[in-house]
Amino acid sequence: MTRLVLASASPARRATLRAAGIEPSVVVSGVDESVVADLAPGPLALRLAELKRDAVAADVTDGSLVLGCDSVLDLDGEALGKPADAPEAVRRWEAMRGRSGVLHTGHALRDTASGREAAALGSTVVHFADVSDDEIAAYVATGEPLQVAGAFTIDGLGGAFVTGIEGDHHNVVGLSLPLLRDLLAELGHAWTDLWA
């Protein structure tokens, strides 16, 4: 079995891997996301994923694979990560309701045994319900939108506010399993080698 280190604090990413038969070790990168600016949403997500991977991989010496991920919602060309506070989450939902955005998730993988790296961006179109002001207020009051990129989830309380997606739903949760499988293959590893 090949060991995978997830350079992310995201419970949703960890749960996605576990449901797919992979038991990752979790090491939070501590990367200051504010240091990266002036990038479009897609390239921003990929760059942050690479920084998280690199920060954690620098301390991994047992030959494990290290995966960094970062998600950003693209709404009208603006990169939306986690909202800073509840009023910002409300403003976001007022802008998103009844519309569509693209959720970009950067995936960056390093094989610490060989030093080889692979990275790719997953992008999924997300269609948002035309939610009411009361629904927005109630959702933001739960705190869930403050913990996630784009201020929404599809695998939690926000699931009812997403009317559809175009692309890989795992990518919206924060980690595309098919894309990760491709990155593993690029580095010479079989997906099934990661099964616990």
C-alpha atoms as a PDB file:
ATOM      1  CA  MET A   1       0.000   0.000   0.000  1.00  0.00           C
ATOM      2  CA  THR A   2       1.248   3.467  -0.945  1.00  0.00           C
ATOM      3  CA  ARG A   3       0.850   6.122   1.754  1.00  0.00           C
ATOM      4  CA  LEU A   4      -0.904   9.373   0.866  1.00  0.00           C
ATOM      5  CA  VAL A   5      -0.429  12.560   2.865  1.00  0.00           C
ATOM      6  CA  LEU A   6      -3.217  15.109   2.416  1.00  0.00           C
ATOM      7  CA  ALA A   7      -1.896  18.665   2.813  1.00  0.00           C
ATOM      8  CA  SER A   8      -5.303  20.035   3.749  1.00  0.00           C
ATOM      9  CA  ALA A   9      -7.423  20.558   6.850  1.00  0.00           C
ATOM     10  CA  SER A  10     -10.632  19.982   4.844  1.00  0.00           C
ATOM     11  CA  PRO A  11     -12.855  17.343   6.458  1.00  0.00           C
ATOM     12  CA  ALA A  12     -14.723  16.995   3.139  1.00  0.00           C
ATOM     13  CA  ARG A  13     -11.527  16.106   1.231  1.00  0.00           C
ATOM     14  CA  ARG A  14     -10.580  13.549   3.862  1.00  0.00           C
ATOM     15  CA  ALA A  15     -14.094  12.054   3.829  1.00  0.00           C
ATOM     16  CA  THR A  16     -14.017  11.834   0.016  1.00  0.00           C
ATOM     17  CA  LEU A  17     -10.750   9.879   0.117  1.00  0.00           C
ATOM     18  CA  ARG A  18     -11.955   7.610   2.932  1.00  0.00           C
ATOM     19  CA  ALA A  19     -15.178   6.814   1.058  1.00  0.00           C
ATOM     20  CA  ALA A  20     -12.989   5.811  -1.918  1.00  0.00           C
ATOM     21  CA  GLY A  21     -10.983   3.368   0.208  1.00  0.00           C
ATOM     22  CA  ILE A  22      -8.006   5.606   0.931  1.00  0.00           C
ATOM     23  CA  GLU A  23      -6.960   6.449   4.490  1.00  0.00           C
ATOM     24  CA  PRO A  24      -4.795   9.567   4.180  1.00  0.00           C
ATOM     25  CA  SER A  25      -2.553  11.079   6.796  1.00  0.00           C
ATOM     26  CA  VAL A  26      -3.479  14.732   7.243  1.00  0.00           C
ATOM     27  CA  VAL A  27      -0.842  17.424   7.650  1.00  0.00           C
ATOM     28  CA  VAL A  28      -2.036  21.026   7.508  1.00  0.00           C
ATOM     29  CA  SER A  29       0.285  23.150   5.386  1.00  0.00           C
ATOM     30  CA  GLY A  30      -0.020  26.468   7.197  1.00  0.00           C
ATOM     31  CA  VAL A  31       0.364  28.311   3.871  1.00  0.00           C
ATOM     32  CA  ASP A  32      -0.725  31.957   4.009  1.00  0.00           C
ATOM     33  CA  GLU A  33      -3.106  32.100   1.043  1.00  0.00           C
ATOM     34  CA  SER A  34      -3.000  35.896   0.974  1.00  0.00           C
ATOM     35  CA  VAL A  35       0.571  35.838  -0.402  1.00  0.00           C
ATOM     36  CA  VAL A  36      -0.734  34.832  -3.835  1.00  0.00           C
ATOM     37  CA  ALA A  37      -2.518  37.629  -5.668  1.00  0.00           C
ATOM     38  CA  ASP A  38      -3.215  38.883  -9.175  1.00  0.00           C
ATOM     39  CA  LEU A  39      -4.055  35.450 -10.613  1.00  0.00           C
ATOM     40  CA  ALA A  40      -7.264  34.414 -12.347  1.00  0.00           C
ATOM     41  CA  PRO A  41      -9.424  31.958 -10.330  1.00  0.00           C
ATOM     42  CA  GLY A  42      -8.228  28.738 -12.017  1.00  0.00           C
ATOM     43  CA  PRO A  43      -4.488  29.488 -11.899  1.00  0.00           C
ATOM     44  CA  LEU A  44      -4.927  30.761  -8.317  1.00  0.00           C
ATOM     45  CA  ALA A  45      -6.439  27.444  -7.167  1.00  0.00           C
ATOM     46  CA  LEU A  46      -3.640  25.499  -8.842  1.00  0.00           C
ATOM     47  CA  ARG A  47      -0.870  27.707  -7.421  1.00  0.00           C
ATOM     48  CA  LEU A  48      -2.249  27.475  -3.880  1.00  0.00           C
ATOM     49  CA  ALA A  49      -2.471  23.674  -4.211  1.00  0.00           C
ATOM     50  CA  GLU A  50       1.195  23.583  -5.272  1.00  0.00           C
ATOM     51  CA  LEU A  51       2.261  25.794  -2.349  1.00  0.00           C
ATOM     52  CA  LYS A  52       0.400  23.572   0.138  1.00  0.00           C
ATOM     53  CA  ARG A  53       1.926  20.425  -1.377  1.00  0.00           C
ATOM     54  CA  ASP A  54       5.422  21.896  -1.321  1.00  0.00           C
ATOM     55  CA  ALA A  55       5.128  23.127   2.284  1.00  0.00           C
ATOM     56  CA  VAL A  56       4.121  19.689   3.571  1.00  0.00           C
ATOM     57  CA  ALA A  57       6.368  17.645   1.260  1.00  0.00           C
ATOM     58  CA  ALA A  58       9.419  19.516   2.558  1.00  0.00           C
ATOM     59  CA  ASP A  59       8.985  17.675   5.879  1.00  0.00           C
ATOM     60  CA  VAL A  60       8.010  14.223   4.532  1.00  0.00           C
ATOM     61  CA  THR A  61      10.957  11.824   4.471  1.00  0.00           C
ATOM     62  CA  ASP A  62       9.327   8.388   4.229  1.00  0.00           C
ATOM     63  CA  GLY A  63       8.659   8.315   0.471  1.00  0.00           C
ATOM     64  CA  SER A  64       4.931   9.068   0.780  1.00  0.00           C
ATOM     65  CA  LEU A  65       2.853  10.809  -1.858  1.00  0.00           C
ATOM     66  CA  VAL A  66       1.837  14.328  -0.834  1.00  0.00           C
ATOM     67  CA  LEU A  67      -1.344  15.893  -2.216  1.00  0.00           C
ATOM     68  CA  GLY A  68      -2.133  19.594  -1.983  1.00  0.00           C
ATOM     69  CA  CYS A  69      -5.578  20.890  -2.979  1.00  0.00           C
ATOM     70  CA  ASP A  70      -7.253  24.262  -3.062  1.00  0.00           C
ATOM     71  CA  SER A  71     -10.683  25.334  -4.305  1.00  0.00           C
ATOM     72  CA  VAL A  72     -11.842  28.695  -5.616  1.00  0.00           C
ATOM     73  CA  LEU A  73     -15.230  29.719  -7.012  1.00  0.00           C
ATOM     74  CA  ASP A  74     -15.110  31.786 -10.196  1.00  0.00           C
ATOM     75  CA  LEU A  75     -18.085  34.140 -10.341  1.00  0.00           C
ATOM     76  CA  ASP A  76     -17.831  36.735 -13.109  1.00  0.00           C
ATOM     77  CA  GLY A  77     -14.052  36.268 -13.206  1.00  0.00           C
ATOM     78  CA  GLU A  78     -13.626  36.992  -9.491  1.00  0.00           C
ATOM     79  CA  ALA A  79     -11.880  34.403  -7.316  1.00  0.00           C
ATOM     80  CA  LEU A  80     -13.968  33.607  -4.254  1.00  0.00           C
ATOM     81  CA  GLY A  81     -12.390  31.551  -1.488  1.00  0.00           C
ATOM     82  CA  LYS A  82     -13.786  31.310   2.037  1.00  0.00           C
ATOM     83  CA  PRO A  83     -15.760  34.414   3.030  1.00  0.00           C
ATOM     84  CA  ALA A  84     -14.112  36.523   5.731  1.00  0.00           C
ATOM     85  CA  ASP A  85     -17.276  36.889   7.809  1.00  0.00           C
ATOM     86  CA  ALA A  86     -21.057  36.435   7.827  1.00  0.00           C
ATOM     87  CA  PRO A  87     -21.900  39.734   6.063  1.00  0.00           C
ATOM     88  CA  GLU A  88     -19.539  38.798   3.226  1.00  0.00           C
ATOM     89  CA  ALA A  89     -21.176  35.353   2.957  1.00  0.00           C
ATOM     90  CA  VAL A  90     -24.592  37.030   2.688  1.00  0.00           C
ATOM     91  CA  ARG A  91     -23.346  39.368  -0.060  1.00  0.00           C
ATOM     92  CA  ARG A  92     -21.897  36.421  -1.959  1.00  0.00           C
ATOM     93  CA  TRP A  93     -25.139  34.488  -1.853  1.00  0.00           C
ATOM     94  CA  GLU A  94     -27.061  37.578  -2.966  1.00  0.00           C
ATOM     95  CA  ALA A  95     -24.742  37.706  -6.011  1.00  0.00           C
ATOM     96  CA  MET A  96     -24.783  33.921  -6.677  1.00  0.00           C
ATOM     97  CA  ARG A  97     -28.480  33.123  -6.331  1.00  0.00           C
ATOM     98  CA  GLY A  98     -30.191  32.114  -9.541  1.00  0.00           C
ATOM     99  CA  ARG A  99     -26.842  32.134 -11.362  1.00  0.00           C
ATOM    100  CA  SER A 100     -23.937  29.828 -12.181  1.00  0.00           C
ATOM    101  CA  GLY A 101     -20.254  29.829 -11.309  1.00  0.00           C
ATOM    102  CA  VAL A 102     -17.275  27.571 -11.926  1.00  0.00           C
ATOM    103  CA  LEU A 103     -15.675  25.795  -8.977  1.00  0.00           C
ATOM    104  CA  HIS A 104     -11.960  25.281  -9.678  1.00  0.00           C
ATOM    105  CA  THR A 105      -9.961  22.824  -7.580  1.00  0.00           C
ATOM    106  CA  GLY A 106      -6.210  22.682  -7.948  1.00  0.00           C
ATOM    107  CA  HIS A 107      -4.590  19.285  -7.338  1.00  0.00           C
ATOM    108  CA  ALA A 108      -0.808  19.050  -6.840  1.00  0.00           C
ATOM    109  CA  LEU A 109       0.898  15.730  -6.147  1.00  0.00           C
ATOM    110  CA  ARG A 110       4.509  14.909  -5.278  1.00  0.00           C
ATOM    111  CA  ASP A 111       6.119  11.500  -4.978  1.00  0.00           C
ATOM    112  CA  THR A 112       8.639  12.209  -2.212  1.00  0.00           C
ATOM    113  CA  ALA A 113      10.556   9.007  -3.039  1.00  0.00           C
ATOM    114  CA  SER A 114      11.359  10.086  -6.610  1.00  0.00           C
ATOM    115  CA  GLY A 115      10.821  13.851  -6.321  1.00  0.00           C
ATOM    116  CA  ARG A 116       8.499  13.752  -9.340  1.00  0.00           C
ATOM    117  CA  GLU A 117       5.474  16.047  -9.417  1.00  0.00           C
ATOM    118  CA  ALA A 118       2.190  16.302 -11.282  1.00  0.00           C
ATOM    119  CA  ALA A 119      -0.527  18.909 -11.047  1.00  0.00           C
ATOM    120  CA  ALA A 120      -3.858  19.652 -12.718  1.00  0.00           C
ATOM    121  CA  LEU A 121      -6.959  21.767 -12.349  1.00  0.00           C
ATOM    122  CA  GLY A 122     -10.475  20.373 -12.078  1.00  0.00           C
ATOM    123  CA  SER A 123     -13.318  22.706 -13.040  1.00  0.00           C
ATOM    124  CA  THR A 124     -17.036  22.111 -12.512  1.00  0.00           C
ATOM    125  CA  VAL A 125     -19.948  24.413 -13.384  1.00  0.00           C
ATOM    126  CA  VAL A 126     -22.298  24.943 -10.440  1.00  0.00           C
ATOM    127  CA  HIS A 127     -25.884  26.199 -10.819  1.00  0.00           C
ATOM    128  CA  PHE A 128     -27.292  27.970  -7.761  1.00  0.00           C
ATOM    129  CA  ALA A 129     -30.958  28.077  -6.718  1.00  0.00           C
ATOM    130  CA  ASP A 130     -32.770  31.392  -6.583  1.00  0.00           C
ATOM    131  CA  VAL A 131     -32.769  31.349  -2.782  1.00  0.00           C
ATOM    132  CA  SER A 132     -34.699  33.868  -0.691  1.00  0.00           C
ATOM    133  CA  ASP A 133     -33.204  36.406   1.685  1.00  0.00           C
ATOM    134  CA  ASP A 134     -34.543  34.343   4.606  1.00  0.00           C
ATOM    135  CA  GLU A 135     -32.870  31.186   3.269  1.00  0.00           C
ATOM    136  CA  ILE A 136     -29.578  33.048   2.860  1.00  0.00           C
ATOM    137  CA  ALA A 137     -29.765  34.425   6.401  1.00  0.00           C
ATOM    138  CA  ALA A 138     -30.604  31.013   7.865  1.00  0.00           C
ATOM    139  CA  TYR A 139     -27.828  29.277   5.910  1.00  0.00           C
ATOM    140  CA  VAL A 140     -25.171  31.835   6.851  1.00  0.00           C
ATOM    141  CA  ALA A 141     -26.302  31.616  10.505  1.00  0.00           C
ATOM    142  CA  THR A 142     -25.343  27.903  10.527  1.00  0.00           C
ATOM    143  CA  GLY A 143     -21.703  28.899   9.986  1.00  0.00           C
ATOM    144  CA  GLU A 144     -21.216  26.332   7.209  1.00  0.00           C
ATOM    145  CA  PRO A 145     -20.675  28.884   4.397  1.00  0.00           C
ATOM    146  CA  LEU A 146     -17.846  30.508   6.375  1.00  0.00           C
ATOM    147  CA  GLN A 147     -15.794  27.285   6.304  1.00  0.00           C
ATOM    148  CA  VAL A 148     -15.749  26.620   2.542  1.00  0.00           C
ATOM    149  CA  ALA A 149     -14.607  28.126  -0.743  1.00  0.00           C
ATOM    150  CA  GLY A 150     -17.435  29.906  -2.508  1.00  0.00           C
ATOM    151  CA  ALA A 151     -19.544  29.948   0.685  1.00  0.00           C
ATOM    152  CA  PHE A 152     -21.439  26.777  -0.239  1.00  0.00           C
ATOM    153  CA  THR A 153     -21.349  22.986  -0.060  1.00  0.00           C
ATOM    154  CA  ILE A 154     -23.115  20.302  -2.078  1.00  0.00           C
ATOM    155  CA  ASP A 155     -22.501  17.620   0.539  1.00  0.00           C
ATOM    156  CA  GLY A 156     -23.920  19.484   3.521  1.00  0.00           C
ATOM    157  CA  LEU A 157     -26.589  22.006   4.428  1.00  0.00           C
ATOM    158  CA  GLY A 158     -26.015  23.937   1.199  1.00  0.00           C
ATOM    159  CA  GLY A 159     -26.852  20.963  -1.010  1.00  0.00           C
ATOM    160  CA  ALA A 160     -30.471  22.057  -1.421  1.00  0.00           C
ATOM    161  CA  PHE A 161     -29.293  25.418  -2.791  1.00  0.00           C
ATOM    162  CA  VAL A 162     -27.395  23.882  -5.723  1.00  0.00           C
ATOM    163  CA  THR A 163     -29.776  22.966  -8.537  1.00  0.00           C
ATOM    164  CA  GLY A 164     -27.224  21.178 -10.691  1.00  0.00           C
ATOM    165  CA  ILE A 165     -23.614  20.801 -11.741  1.00  0.00           C
ATOM    166  CA  GLU A 166     -21.774  20.116 -14.982  1.00  0.00           C
ATOM    167  CA  GLY A 167     -18.709  17.986 -14.327  1.00  0.00           C
ATOM    168  CA  ASP A 168     -17.283  15.925 -11.479  1.00  0.00           C
ATOM    169  CA  HIS A 169     -19.255  16.388  -8.244  1.00  0.00           C
ATOM    170  CA  HIS A 170     -16.239  15.256  -6.171  1.00  0.00           C
ATOM    171  CA  ASN A 171     -14.385  18.283  -7.547  1.00  0.00           C
ATOM    172  CA  VAL A 172     -17.016  20.570  -6.005  1.00  0.00           C
ATOM    173  CA  VAL A 173     -16.543  18.837  -2.649  1.00  0.00           C
ATOM    174  CA  GLY A 174     -12.845  19.690  -2.998  1.00  0.00           C
ATOM    175  CA  LEU A 175     -11.036  16.701  -4.530  1.00  0.00           C
ATOM    176  CA  SER A 176     -11.644  15.097  -7.934  1.00  0.00           C
ATOM    177  CA  LEU A 177     -11.064  11.351  -7.617  1.00  0.00           C
ATOM    178  CA  PRO A 178     -10.768  10.764 -11.400  1.00  0.00           C
ATOM    179  CA  LEU A 179      -8.266  13.619 -11.690  1.00  0.00           C
ATOM    180  CA  LEU A 180      -6.235  12.290  -8.756  1.00  0.00           C
ATOM    181  CA  ARG A 181      -6.205   8.841 -10.399  1.00  0.00           C
ATOM    182  CA  ASP A 182      -4.748  10.439 -13.558  1.00  0.00           C
ATOM    183  CA  LEU A 183      -2.068  12.281 -11.563  1.00  0.00           C
ATOM    184  CA  LEU A 184      -1.104   9.051  -9.789  1.00  0.00           C
ATOM    185  CA  ALA A 185      -0.764   7.271 -13.136  1.00  0.00           C
ATOM    186  CA  GLU A 186       1.403  10.123 -14.434  1.00  0.00           C
ATOM    187  CA  LEU A 187       3.787   9.441 -11.537  1.00  0.00           C
ATOM    188  CA  GLY A 188       3.723   5.670 -12.072  1.00  0.00           C
ATOM    189  CA  HIS A 189       1.300   4.677  -9.290  1.00  0.00           C
ATOM    190  CA  ALA A 190      -1.900   2.643  -9.535  1.00  0.00           C
ATOM    191  CA  TRP A 191      -5.057   4.024  -7.928  1.00  0.00           C
ATOM    192  CA  THR A 192      -5.688   0.682  -6.259  1.00  0.00           C
ATOM    193  CA  ASP A 193      -2.288   0.818  -4.538  1.00  0.00           C
ATOM    194  CA  LEU A 194      -3.733   3.526  -2.293  1.00  0.00           C
ATOM    195  CA  TRP A 195      -6.609   1.398  -1.032  1.00  0.00           C
ATOM    196  CA  ALA A 196      -6.316   0.771   2.687  1.00  0.00           C
END
